[in-house]
Every structure is written in structure tokens, then in C-alpha cells.
Amino acid sequence: MLNPKEASNAGKISLKFFFFSLPPFSRQPNGGSMSHK
């Protein structure tokens, strides 16, 4: 099993891929602060 730090990092990475895989209409400019990097 992953230790808590690795699990947290994996969660952040999977969340990032989840947000980037959303269709464009879900990523509106005013939709959230995670859209722009």
C-alpha cells in the first residue's frame, strides 16, 4: 500500500487528469480557479 504522502500525491494527480479530461463546456473561464495554470 502507499503511504499517506504518496496516496495524497496520487490523488492530486488523478484529480488533475480528471479535470483535464472534462469536456470543454465544463471548463468555463469562471467555472473554477483550477482551470488556468
C-alpha atoms as a PDB file:
ATOM      1  CA  MET A   1       0.000   0.000   0.000  1.00  0.00           C
ATOM      2  CA  LEU A   2       1.011   3.610  -0.486  1.00  0.00           C
ATOM      3  CA  ASN A   3       1.981   5.671   2.487  1.00  0.00           C
ATOM      4  CA  PRO A   4      -0.260   8.707   3.163  1.00  0.00           C
ATOM      5  CA  LYS A   5       2.041  11.159   1.363  1.00  0.00           C
ATOM      6  CA  GLU A   6       2.215   9.028  -1.787  1.00  0.00           C
ATOM      7  CA  ALA A   7      -1.526   8.419  -1.675  1.00  0.00           C
ATOM      8  CA  SER A   8      -2.106  12.172  -1.397  1.00  0.00           C
ATOM      9  CA  ASN A   9       0.162  12.839  -4.380  1.00  0.00           C
ATOM     10  CA  ALA A  10      -1.570  10.138  -6.424  1.00  0.00           C
ATOM     11  CA  GLY A  11      -4.930  11.651  -5.519  1.00  0.00           C
ATOM     12  CA  LYS A  12      -3.813  15.087  -6.694  1.00  0.00           C
ATOM     13  CA  ILE A  13      -2.512  13.651  -9.977  1.00  0.00           C
ATOM     14  CA  SER A  14      -5.715  11.703 -10.639  1.00  0.00           C
ATOM     15  CA  LEU A  15      -7.784  14.783  -9.781  1.00  0.00           C
ATOM     16  CA  LYS A  16      -5.700  16.811 -12.243  1.00  0.00           C
ATOM     17  CA  PHE A  17      -6.272  14.235 -15.001  1.00  0.00           C
ATOM     18  CA  PHE A  18      -9.964  14.127 -14.098  1.00  0.00           C
ATOM     19  CA  PHE A  19     -10.296  17.900 -14.501  1.00  0.00           C
ATOM     20  CA  PHE A  20      -8.291  17.933 -17.747  1.00  0.00           C
ATOM     21  CA  SER A  21     -10.430  15.131 -19.188  1.00  0.00           C
ATOM     22  CA  LEU A  22     -13.664  17.055 -18.650  1.00  0.00           C
ATOM     23  CA  PRO A  23     -15.402  18.265 -21.809  1.00  0.00           C
ATOM     24  CA  PRO A  24     -14.771  21.930 -22.702  1.00  0.00           C
ATOM     25  CA  PHE A  25     -18.222  23.122 -21.642  1.00  0.00           C
ATOM     26  CA  SER A  26     -17.429  22.019 -18.091  1.00  0.00           C
ATOM     27  CA  ARG A  27     -14.293  24.178 -18.035  1.00  0.00           C
ATOM     28  CA  GLN A  28     -15.766  27.648 -18.306  1.00  0.00           C
ATOM     29  CA  PRO A  29     -13.429  30.578 -17.533  1.00  0.00           C
ATOM     30  CA  ASN A  30     -15.470  31.475 -14.438  1.00  0.00           C
ATOM     31  CA  GLY A  31     -16.045  27.825 -13.552  1.00  0.00           C
ATOM     32  CA  GLY A  32     -13.185  27.489 -11.105  1.00  0.00           C
ATOM     33  CA  SER A  33      -9.708  28.586 -10.140  1.00  0.00           C
ATOM     34  CA  MET A  34      -8.126  25.299 -11.272  1.00  0.00           C
ATOM     35  CA  SER A  35      -8.792  25.998 -14.960  1.00  0.00           C
ATOM     36  CA  HIS A  36      -5.870  28.363 -15.527  1.00  0.00           C
ATOM     37  CA  LYS A  37      -2.275  27.353 -14.847  1.00  0.00           C
END
